[in-house]
């Protein structure tokens, strides 16, 4: 399935990668590589990760405290957020 990153997710991903690179050179690239890896898992098996109560699916990253939040729509996947799990959970996008 094709993955579409919504603007919010793209901004969150870019800002997070920039932050991690500012902490340690190369860490931002590692973050982006893990996002790409998780998106690949999602693309190959979109129903692998459980739905939350709003009907979105949440794929956890292993090395970084983030969730890739996405929705399945026919033959497309929409990543709505690259959500930092230490943020207030009530701010999770819908």
Protein backbone atom coordinates (compact mmCIF):
# COMPACT_ATOMS: atom_id res chain seq x y z
CA UNK A 1 0.00 0.00 0.00
CA UNK A 2 1.08 3.55 -0.64
CA UNK A 3 1.91 5.71 2.38
CA UNK A 4 1.02 9.40 2.41
CA UNK A 5 2.53 11.64 5.08
CA UNK A 6 0.18 14.43 6.01
CA UNK A 7 1.72 17.87 6.55
CA UNK A 8 1.52 17.64 10.34
CA UNK A 9 3.38 14.30 10.38
CA UNK A 10 6.04 15.60 8.03
CA UNK A 11 6.63 18.68 10.20
CA UNK A 12 6.79 16.59 13.39
CA UNK A 13 9.23 14.18 11.75
CA UNK A 14 11.49 16.95 10.42
CA UNK A 15 11.49 18.87 13.71
CA UNK A 16 12.31 15.71 15.66
CA UNK A 17 15.14 14.76 13.31
CA UNK A 18 16.57 18.28 13.60
CA UNK A 19 16.35 18.10 17.41
CA UNK A 20 18.10 14.72 17.56
CA UNK A 21 20.85 15.94 15.22
CA UNK A 22 21.39 18.94 17.49
CA UNK A 23 21.93 16.52 20.37
CA UNK A 24 24.30 14.21 18.51
CA UNK A 25 25.38 14.34 14.87
CA UNK A 26 23.84 11.42 12.98
CA UNK A 27 21.10 10.76 15.53
CA UNK A 28 18.58 12.59 13.36
CA UNK A 29 19.43 10.27 10.46
CA UNK A 30 18.95 7.29 12.75
CA UNK A 31 15.55 8.66 13.73
CA UNK A 32 14.52 9.08 10.07
CA UNK A 33 15.77 5.58 9.26
CA UNK A 34 13.59 4.13 11.99
CA UNK A 35 10.57 6.11 10.77
CA UNK A 36 11.23 4.69 7.29
CA UNK A 37 11.55 1.16 8.70
CA UNK A 38 8.25 1.40 10.60
CA UNK A 39 6.51 2.87 7.55
CA UNK A 40 7.78 -0.11 5.55
CA UNK A 41 6.26 -2.49 8.12
CA UNK A 42 2.99 -0.59 7.94
CA UNK A 43 2.99 -0.65 4.14
CA UNK A 44 3.55 -4.40 3.98
CA UNK A 45 0.98 -5.25 6.65
CA UNK A 46 -1.29 -2.26 7.42
CA UNK A 47 -3.41 -4.10 9.99
CA UNK A 48 -0.39 -5.30 11.99
CA UNK A 49 -0.75 -2.57 14.59
CA UNK A 50 -3.85 -2.17 16.78
CA UNK A 51 -6.52 0.46 16.42
CA UNK A 52 -7.01 3.02 19.14
CA UNK A 53 -10.46 4.08 20.27
CA UNK A 54 -10.67 6.68 17.46
CA UNK A 55 -10.03 4.10 14.74
CA UNK A 56 -6.45 5.18 14.05
CA UNK A 57 -3.62 2.67 14.25
CA UNK A 58 -0.49 3.29 16.29
CA UNK A 59 2.89 1.78 15.44
CA UNK A 60 5.50 2.26 18.17
CA UNK A 61 9.10 3.02 17.32
CA UNK A 62 11.64 0.88 19.16
CA UNK A 63 14.58 3.20 19.74
CA UNK A 64 12.76 6.51 20.02
CA UNK A 65 9.71 7.38 22.17
CA UNK A 66 7.35 7.95 19.24
CA UNK A 67 4.23 6.48 17.71
CA UNK A 68 3.52 6.52 14.00
CA UNK A 69 -0.22 7.22 13.92
CA UNK A 70 -1.99 6.28 10.70
CA UNK A 71 -5.33 5.53 9.09
CA UNK A 72 -6.18 3.04 6.36
CA UNK A 73 -8.40 4.32 3.55
CA UNK A 74 -9.06 1.80 0.75
CA UNK A 75 -5.67 1.36 -0.94
CA UNK A 76 -3.91 4.25 0.77
CA UNK A 77 -2.38 4.78 4.17
CA UNK A 78 -2.30 8.21 5.75
CA UNK A 79 0.27 8.96 8.45
CA UNK A 80 -1.37 11.68 10.50
CA UNK A 81 1.30 12.11 13.15
CA UNK A 82 4.78 11.16 14.31
CA UNK A 83 3.76 11.58 17.95
CA UNK A 84 6.22 11.88 20.84
CA UNK A 85 4.89 9.65 23.61
CA UNK A 86 6.02 12.01 26.37
CA UNK A 87 3.62 14.67 25.16
CA UNK A 88 0.24 15.07 26.77
CA UNK A 89 -1.83 12.15 25.41
CA UNK A 90 -4.87 14.40 25.09
CA UNK A 91 -2.93 16.25 22.36
CA UNK A 92 -2.76 13.13 20.19
CA UNK A 93 -4.09 14.04 16.77
CA UNK A 94 -7.30 12.59 15.44
